[in-house]
């Protein structure tokens, strides 16, 4: 049995403008923002505006929009930071590693020989750094 969507989650609050975020881009159906607790330089998120807990209860049309935006963002982030690769991660339910129950996809630039920092291990990133990284990514969006 699937748990109901809770509109008090942090991403729902960000989408409503109740909590600030560093936006990379926004479209009618989704937004891309910087992760405030990055695991690597350029760590960002794709978040659909349509409420769903995760991939398991999302509408197929929403998932199509999300994957296209994710690919676009991954290409831009890889170029922006001259990364060696990109990890794209999406978690479903607590047992699957999900901690915020609104569908979202992580886009994380990766560098040879550099391990990811544990999520939240260094606290929240400097907003000025996030703003600069968002601008770097925007410059590479096609």
N, C-alpha and C. Protein backbone atom coordinates (compact mmCIF):
# COMPACT_ATOMS: atom_id res chain seq x y z
N UNK A 1 0.84 -1.18 0.00
CA UNK A 1 0.00 0.00 0.00
C UNK A 1 0.88 1.25 0.00
N UNK A 2 0.60 2.17 -0.90
CA UNK A 2 1.39 3.38 -1.06
C UNK A 2 0.93 4.44 -0.05
N UNK A 3 1.89 5.10 0.56
CA UNK A 3 1.59 6.19 1.48
C UNK A 3 1.18 7.41 0.67
N UNK A 4 0.28 8.22 1.22
CA UNK A 4 -0.19 9.42 0.54
C UNK A 4 0.91 10.47 0.45
N UNK A 5 0.81 11.31 -0.56
CA UNK A 5 1.73 12.43 -0.74
C UNK A 5 1.52 13.44 0.39
N UNK A 6 2.60 13.91 0.97
CA UNK A 6 2.57 14.90 2.05
C UNK A 6 3.07 16.23 1.51
N UNK A 7 2.18 17.21 1.39
CA UNK A 7 2.57 18.48 0.77
C UNK A 7 3.33 19.42 1.72
N UNK A 8 3.77 18.89 2.87
CA UNK A 8 4.62 19.68 3.75
C UNK A 8 6.10 19.35 3.56
N UNK A 9 6.43 18.49 2.57
CA UNK A 9 7.83 18.15 2.34
C UNK A 9 8.59 19.37 1.82
N UNK A 10 9.89 19.35 1.96
CA UNK A 10 10.71 20.53 1.64
C UNK A 10 10.61 20.92 0.17
N UNK A 11 10.50 19.96 -0.74
CA UNK A 11 10.41 20.32 -2.16
C UNK A 11 9.07 20.95 -2.50
N UNK A 12 8.01 20.49 -1.86
CA UNK A 12 6.71 21.13 -2.06
C UNK A 12 6.77 22.58 -1.57
N UNK A 13 7.44 22.81 -0.46
CA UNK A 13 7.59 24.17 0.07
C UNK A 13 8.44 25.03 -0.86
N UNK A 14 9.49 24.46 -1.43
CA UNK A 14 10.32 25.19 -2.39
C UNK A 14 9.48 25.56 -3.61
N UNK A 15 8.71 24.60 -4.12
CA UNK A 15 7.87 24.85 -5.30
C UNK A 15 6.84 25.95 -5.04
N UNK A 16 6.35 26.05 -3.81
CA UNK A 16 5.39 27.10 -3.46
C UNK A 16 6.06 28.43 -3.12
N UNK A 17 7.38 28.45 -3.11
CA UNK A 17 8.11 29.68 -2.79
C UNK A 17 8.21 29.97 -1.31
N UNK A 18 7.92 28.99 -0.47
CA UNK A 18 7.99 29.18 0.98
C UNK A 18 9.41 29.06 1.52
N UNK A 19 10.25 28.37 0.77
CA UNK A 19 11.66 28.19 1.14
C UNK A 19 12.48 28.58 -0.08
N UNK A 20 13.55 29.34 0.11
CA UNK A 20 14.36 29.75 -1.04
C UNK A 20 15.16 28.58 -1.61
N UNK A 21 15.51 28.71 -2.88
CA UNK A 21 16.36 27.73 -3.55
C UNK A 21 17.19 28.46 -4.59
N UNK A 22 18.22 27.80 -5.05
CA UNK A 22 19.04 28.34 -6.12
C UNK A 22 18.63 27.65 -7.40
N UNK A 23 17.81 28.34 -8.19
CA UNK A 23 17.27 27.75 -9.42
C UNK A 23 18.29 27.81 -10.54
N UNK A 24 18.33 26.74 -11.29
CA UNK A 24 19.14 26.70 -12.52
C UNK A 24 18.23 27.05 -13.68
N UNK A 25 17.08 26.40 -13.73
CA UNK A 25 16.05 26.77 -14.70
C UNK A 25 14.70 26.31 -14.20
N UNK A 26 13.67 26.91 -14.77
CA UNK A 26 12.30 26.54 -14.42
C UNK A 26 11.50 26.46 -15.70
N UNK A 27 10.66 25.44 -15.79
CA UNK A 27 9.75 25.26 -16.92
C UNK A 27 8.34 25.11 -16.34
N UNK A 28 7.36 24.98 -17.22
CA UNK A 28 5.98 24.86 -16.76
C UNK A 28 5.78 23.70 -15.79
N UNK A 29 6.46 22.59 -16.06
CA UNK A 29 6.17 21.37 -15.32
C UNK A 29 7.25 20.94 -14.33
N UNK A 30 8.39 21.64 -14.31
CA UNK A 30 9.46 21.23 -13.41
C UNK A 30 10.43 22.36 -13.15
N UNK A 31 11.31 22.12 -12.19
CA UNK A 31 12.35 23.08 -11.85
C UNK A 31 13.64 22.30 -11.61
N UNK A 32 14.77 22.93 -11.93
CA UNK A 32 16.09 22.38 -11.61
C UNK A 32 16.75 23.34 -10.64
N UNK A 33 17.23 22.80 -9.52
CA UNK A 33 17.85 23.61 -8.48
C UNK A 33 19.17 22.98 -8.03
N UNK A 34 19.97 23.78 -7.36
CA UNK A 34 21.19 23.26 -6.75
C UNK A 34 20.82 22.54 -5.45
N UNK A 35 21.50 21.45 -5.16
CA UNK A 35 21.32 20.74 -3.89
C UNK A 35 22.03 21.54 -2.81
N UNK A 36 21.34 21.87 -1.73
CA UNK A 36 21.95 22.69 -0.67
C UNK A 36 22.94 21.90 0.18
N UNK A 37 22.93 20.59 0.06
CA UNK A 37 23.90 19.74 0.76
C UNK A 37 24.62 18.89 -0.27
N UNK A 38 25.43 19.52 -1.12
CA UNK A 38 26.01 18.82 -2.26
C UNK A 38 27.02 17.75 -1.87
N UNK A 39 27.01 16.70 -2.67
CA UNK A 39 27.98 15.62 -2.50
C UNK A 39 29.19 15.82 -3.40
N UNK A 40 29.07 16.76 -4.34
CA UNK A 40 30.14 17.08 -5.27
C UNK A 40 29.85 18.47 -5.84
N UNK A 41 30.87 19.09 -6.38
CA UNK A 41 30.69 20.39 -7.04
C UNK A 41 29.67 20.23 -8.17
N UNK A 42 28.64 21.09 -8.17
CA UNK A 42 27.64 21.06 -9.22
C UNK A 42 26.46 20.13 -8.98
N UNK A 43 26.37 19.54 -7.80
CA UNK A 43 25.26 18.62 -7.48
C UNK A 43 23.94 19.39 -7.57
N UNK A 44 23.05 18.92 -8.41
CA UNK A 44 21.77 19.60 -8.61
C UNK A 44 20.63 18.59 -8.68
N UNK A 45 19.41 19.11 -8.72
CA UNK A 45 18.20 18.28 -8.66
C UNK A 45 17.21 18.70 -9.72
N UNK A 46 16.48 17.73 -10.24
CA UNK A 46 15.32 18.00 -11.10
C UNK A 46 14.09 17.60 -10.30
N UNK A 47 13.15 18.54 -10.18
CA UNK A 47 11.96 18.33 -9.35
C UNK A 47 10.71 18.67 -10.17
N UNK A 48 9.84 17.69 -10.41
CA UNK A 48 8.59 18.02 -11.10
C UNK A 48 7.66 18.80 -10.18
N UNK A 49 6.84 19.64 -10.78
CA UNK A 49 5.88 20.43 -10.00
C UNK A 49 4.65 19.61 -9.62
N UNK A 50 4.37 18.56 -10.36
CA UNK A 50 3.23 17.71 -10.05
C UNK A 50 3.53 16.88 -8.81
N UNK A 51 2.64 16.92 -7.83
CA UNK A 51 2.89 16.16 -6.60
C UNK A 51 2.89 14.64 -6.84
N UNK A 52 3.99 14.00 -6.46
CA UNK A 52 4.06 12.55 -6.37
C UNK A 52 5.19 12.23 -5.41
N UNK A 53 5.06 11.14 -4.68
CA UNK A 53 6.09 10.76 -3.71
C UNK A 53 7.38 10.38 -4.41
N UNK A 54 7.26 9.64 -5.51
CA UNK A 54 8.45 9.14 -6.18
C UNK A 54 8.05 8.51 -7.53
N UNK A 55 8.96 7.82 -8.12
CA UNK A 55 8.75 7.19 -9.42
C UNK A 55 7.59 6.19 -9.39
N UNK A 56 7.35 5.58 -8.25
CA UNK A 56 6.35 4.52 -8.15
C UNK A 56 4.91 5.01 -8.32
N UNK A 57 4.65 6.28 -8.02
CA UNK A 57 3.29 6.79 -8.14
C UNK A 57 3.17 7.95 -9.13
N UNK A 58 4.26 8.25 -9.85
CA UNK A 58 4.25 9.37 -10.79
C UNK A 58 3.58 8.99 -12.10
N UNK A 59 2.94 9.96 -12.71
CA UNK A 59 2.33 9.79 -14.02
C UNK A 59 3.43 9.64 -15.07
N UNK A 60 3.19 8.81 -16.09
CA UNK A 60 4.18 8.58 -17.14
C UNK A 60 4.58 9.87 -17.85
N UNK A 61 3.66 10.78 -18.07
CA UNK A 61 3.98 12.04 -18.75
C UNK A 61 4.94 12.88 -17.91
N UNK A 62 4.77 12.86 -16.60
CA UNK A 62 5.67 13.57 -15.70
C UNK A 62 7.06 12.96 -15.78
N UNK A 63 7.12 11.63 -15.77
CA UNK A 63 8.41 10.95 -15.85
C UNK A 63 9.13 11.25 -17.16
N UNK A 64 8.38 11.37 -18.24
CA UNK A 64 9.00 11.73 -19.53
C UNK A 64 9.63 13.11 -19.45
N UNK A 65 8.92 14.06 -18.90
CA UNK A 65 9.46 15.42 -18.75
C UNK A 65 10.70 15.42 -17.86
N UNK A 66 10.64 14.66 -16.79
CA UNK A 66 11.75 14.61 -15.83
C UNK A 66 13.00 14.01 -16.46
N UNK A 67 12.87 12.93 -17.21
CA UNK A 67 14.07 12.30 -17.77
C UNK A 67 14.69 13.17 -18.85
N UNK A 68 13.89 13.84 -19.64
CA UNK A 68 14.44 14.74 -20.67
C UNK A 68 15.19 15.89 -20.00
N UNK A 69 14.60 16.48 -18.98
CA UNK A 69 15.26 17.58 -18.26
C UNK A 69 16.52 17.10 -17.55
N UNK A 70 16.46 15.90 -17.00
CA UNK A 70 17.62 15.33 -16.31
C UNK A 70 18.78 15.14 -17.27
N UNK A 71 18.52 14.60 -18.45
CA UNK A 71 19.58 14.40 -19.44
C UNK A 71 20.19 15.74 -19.86
N UNK A 72 19.34 16.71 -20.09
CA UNK A 72 19.80 18.05 -20.48
C UNK A 72 20.68 18.66 -19.38
N UNK A 73 20.23 18.54 -18.14
CA UNK A 73 20.98 19.07 -17.01
C UNK A 73 22.30 18.31 -16.81
N UNK A 74 22.28 17.01 -16.96
CA UNK A 74 23.50 16.20 -16.80
C UNK A 74 24.56 16.60 -17.83
N UNK A 75 24.15 16.80 -19.08
CA UNK A 75 25.10 17.22 -20.11
C UNK A 75 25.71 18.58 -19.77
N UNK A 76 24.86 19.51 -19.34
CA UNK A 76 25.33 20.86 -19.01
C UNK A 76 26.26 20.84 -17.80
N UNK A 77 25.90 20.09 -16.75
CA UNK A 77 26.72 20.04 -15.55
C UNK A 77 28.07 19.39 -15.84
N UNK A 78 28.09 18.35 -16.64
CA UNK A 78 29.35 17.69 -17.00
C UNK A 78 30.27 18.67 -17.72
N UNK A 79 29.71 19.42 -18.66
CA UNK A 79 30.52 20.41 -19.38
C UNK A 79 30.95 21.56 -18.47
N UNK A 80 30.03 22.06 -17.67
CA UNK A 80 30.30 23.22 -16.83
C UNK A 80 31.48 23.00 -15.89
N UNK A 81 31.59 21.79 -15.36
CA UNK A 81 32.62 21.51 -14.37
C UNK A 81 33.74 20.62 -14.91
N UNK A 82 33.71 20.39 -16.23
CA UNK A 82 34.70 19.52 -16.88
C UNK A 82 34.83 18.21 -16.11
N UNK A 83 33.67 17.65 -15.77
CA UNK A 83 33.63 16.41 -15.00
C UNK A 83 33.98 15.22 -15.89
N UNK A 84 34.46 14.17 -15.25
CA UNK A 84 34.80 12.94 -15.97
C UNK A 84 33.55 12.09 -16.23
N UNK A 85 32.51 12.31 -15.45
CA UNK A 85 31.26 11.57 -15.59
C UNK A 85 30.17 12.25 -14.79
N UNK A 86 29.00 11.64 -14.79
CA UNK A 86 27.87 12.18 -14.05
C UNK A 86 27.09 11.00 -13.46
N UNK A 87 26.77 11.09 -12.18
CA UNK A 87 25.86 10.12 -11.56
C UNK A 87 24.47 10.73 -11.57
N UNK A 88 23.51 9.93 -12.00
CA UNK A 88 22.10 10.31 -11.97
C UNK A 88 21.43 9.33 -11.02
N UNK A 89 20.86 9.86 -9.93
CA UNK A 89 20.29 8.99 -8.90
C UNK A 89 18.86 9.39 -8.57
N UNK A 90 18.06 8.38 -8.30
CA UNK A 90 16.67 8.61 -7.93
C UNK A 90 16.29 7.50 -6.96
N UNK A 91 15.73 7.86 -5.81
CA UNK A 91 15.44 6.91 -4.75
C UNK A 91 13.93 6.81 -4.51
N UNK A 92 13.48 5.61 -4.14
CA UNK A 92 12.05 5.36 -3.96
C UNK A 92 11.76 4.68 -2.64
N UNK A 93 11.07 5.41 -1.76
CA UNK A 93 10.68 4.98 -0.42
C UNK A 93 11.91 4.87 0.48
N UNK A 94 11.67 4.88 1.78
CA UNK A 94 12.74 4.91 2.77
C UNK A 94 13.70 3.73 2.60
N UNK A 95 13.16 2.56 2.36
CA UNK A 95 14.01 1.38 2.20
C UNK A 95 14.90 1.48 0.97
N UNK A 96 14.49 2.31 0.00
CA UNK A 96 15.27 2.53 -1.21
C UNK A 96 16.21 3.72 -1.10
N UNK A 97 16.29 4.34 0.07
CA UNK A 97 17.20 5.45 0.29
C UNK A 97 16.57 6.83 0.18
N UNK A 98 15.26 6.90 -0.07
CA UNK A 98 14.59 8.20 -0.23
C UNK A 98 14.41 8.85 1.14
N UNK A 99 14.75 10.16 1.22
CA UNK A 99 14.58 10.88 2.48
C UNK A 99 13.62 12.06 2.35
N UNK A 100 13.42 12.57 1.13
CA UNK A 100 12.41 13.61 0.88
C UNK A 100 11.38 12.98 -0.06
N UNK A 101 10.14 12.95 0.38
CA UNK A 101 9.12 12.20 -0.34
C UNK A 101 8.34 13.04 -1.33
N UNK A 102 9.09 13.61 -2.27
CA UNK A 102 8.57 14.27 -3.48
C UNK A 102 9.54 13.81 -4.56
N UNK A 103 9.01 13.32 -5.67
CA UNK A 103 9.85 12.83 -6.75
C UNK A 103 10.93 13.84 -7.09
N UNK A 104 12.18 13.39 -7.15
CA UNK A 104 13.29 14.23 -7.56
C UNK A 104 14.43 13.35 -8.05
N UNK A 105 15.27 13.93 -8.90
CA UNK A 105 16.41 13.21 -9.45
C UNK A 105 17.67 14.02 -9.16
N UNK A 106 18.67 13.35 -8.65
CA UNK A 106 19.97 13.96 -8.38
C UNK A 106 20.84 13.87 -9.63
N UNK A 107 21.50 14.96 -9.97
CA UNK A 107 22.49 15.00 -11.04
C UNK A 107 23.79 15.44 -10.38
N UNK A 108 24.79 14.54 -10.39
CA UNK A 108 26.01 14.80 -9.63
C UNK A 108 27.24 14.64 -10.53
N UNK A 109 27.91 15.75 -10.86
CA UNK A 109 29.16 15.64 -11.62
C UNK A 109 30.17 14.81 -10.82
N UNK A 110 30.91 13.95 -11.55
CA UNK A 110 31.87 13.05 -10.90
C UNK A 110 33.26 13.25 -11.49
N UNK A 111 34.25 13.05 -10.65
CA UNK A 111 35.63 13.27 -11.02
C UNK A 111 36.46 12.05 -10.66
N UNK A 112 37.29 11.58 -11.60
CA UNK A 112 38.13 10.40 -11.37
C UNK A 112 38.89 10.54 -10.06
N UNK A 113 38.83 9.50 -9.23
CA UNK A 113 39.59 9.45 -7.99
C UNK A 113 39.02 10.27 -6.86
N UNK A 114 37.86 10.91 -7.05
CA UNK A 114 37.26 11.74 -6.01
C UNK A 114 35.95 11.08 -5.56
N UNK A 115 35.90 10.68 -4.30
CA UNK A 115 34.70 10.07 -3.74
C UNK A 115 33.63 11.12 -3.47
N UNK A 116 32.38 10.73 -3.54
CA UNK A 116 31.29 11.63 -3.16
C UNK A 116 31.33 11.84 -1.65
N UNK A 117 31.04 13.07 -1.24
CA UNK A 117 30.87 13.34 0.19
C UNK A 117 29.53 12.73 0.62
N UNK A 118 29.45 12.21 1.83
CA UNK A 118 28.15 11.73 2.31
C UNK A 118 27.16 12.91 2.34
N UNK A 119 25.92 12.65 1.95
CA UNK A 119 24.92 13.72 1.87
C UNK A 119 24.76 14.36 3.23
N UNK A 120 24.91 15.68 3.27
CA UNK A 120 24.74 16.44 4.50
C UNK A 120 25.95 16.46 5.42
N UNK A 121 27.02 15.78 5.02
CA UNK A 121 28.19 15.66 5.91
C UNK A 121 28.88 16.99 6.16
N UNK A 122 28.80 17.90 5.22
CA UNK A 122 29.47 19.19 5.43
C UNK A 122 28.46 20.32 5.60
N UNK A 123 27.24 19.96 5.95
CA UNK A 123 26.21 20.97 6.18
C UNK A 123 25.74 21.62 4.89
N UNK A 124 25.11 22.75 5.04
CA UNK A 124 24.57 23.46 3.88
C UNK A 124 25.67 24.27 3.21
N UNK A 125 25.64 24.27 1.89
CA UNK A 125 26.64 24.99 1.11
C UNK A 125 26.41 26.49 1.17
N UNK A 126 27.45 27.24 0.92
CA UNK A 126 27.39 28.69 0.84
C UNK A 126 26.48 29.08 -0.32
N UNK A 127 25.44 29.87 -0.08
CA UNK A 127 24.53 30.27 -1.16
C UNK A 127 25.23 30.97 -2.33
N UNK A 128 26.28 31.72 -2.05
CA UNK A 128 27.02 32.39 -3.13
C UNK A 128 27.71 31.38 -4.04
N UNK A 129 28.24 30.33 -3.44
CA UNK A 129 28.88 29.26 -4.23
C UNK A 129 27.83 28.56 -5.08
N UNK A 130 26.69 28.26 -4.49
CA UNK A 130 25.61 27.60 -5.25
C UNK A 130 25.15 28.48 -6.41
N UNK A 131 25.03 29.78 -6.17
CA UNK A 131 24.61 30.70 -7.23
C UNK A 131 25.62 30.71 -8.38
N UNK A 132 26.90 30.72 -8.07
CA UNK A 132 27.93 30.69 -9.11
C UNK A 132 27.90 29.38 -9.88
N UNK A 133 27.72 28.27 -9.18
CA UNK A 133 27.66 26.97 -9.85
C UNK A 133 26.42 26.88 -10.74
N UNK A 134 25.29 27.41 -10.27
CA UNK A 134 24.07 27.43 -11.10
C UNK A 134 24.32 28.22 -12.37
N UNK A 135 25.00 29.35 -12.25
CA UNK A 135 25.32 30.16 -13.44
C UNK A 135 26.24 29.41 -14.39
N UNK A 136 27.20 28.69 -13.86
CA UNK A 136 28.09 27.89 -14.71
C UNK A 136 27.28 26.86 -15.50
N UNK A 137 26.35 26.21 -14.85
CA UNK A 137 25.52 25.21 -15.54
C UNK A 137 24.64 25.88 -16.59
N UNK A 138 24.01 27.00 -16.22
CA UNK A 138 23.14 27.72 -17.18
C UNK A 138 23.88 28.07 -18.46
N UNK A 139 25.16 28.44 -18.35
CA UNK A 139 25.94 28.81 -19.53
C UNK A 139 26.12 27.63 -20.49
N UNK A 140 25.93 26.40 -20.00
CA UNK A 140 26.11 25.22 -20.86
C UNK A 140 24.80 24.53 -21.26
N UNK A 141 23.69 25.08 -20.86
CA UNK A 141 22.40 24.50 -21.27
C UNK A 141 22.14 24.83 -22.74
N UNK A 142 21.77 23.83 -23.48
CA UNK A 142 21.49 24.05 -24.92
C UNK A 142 20.00 24.23 -25.14
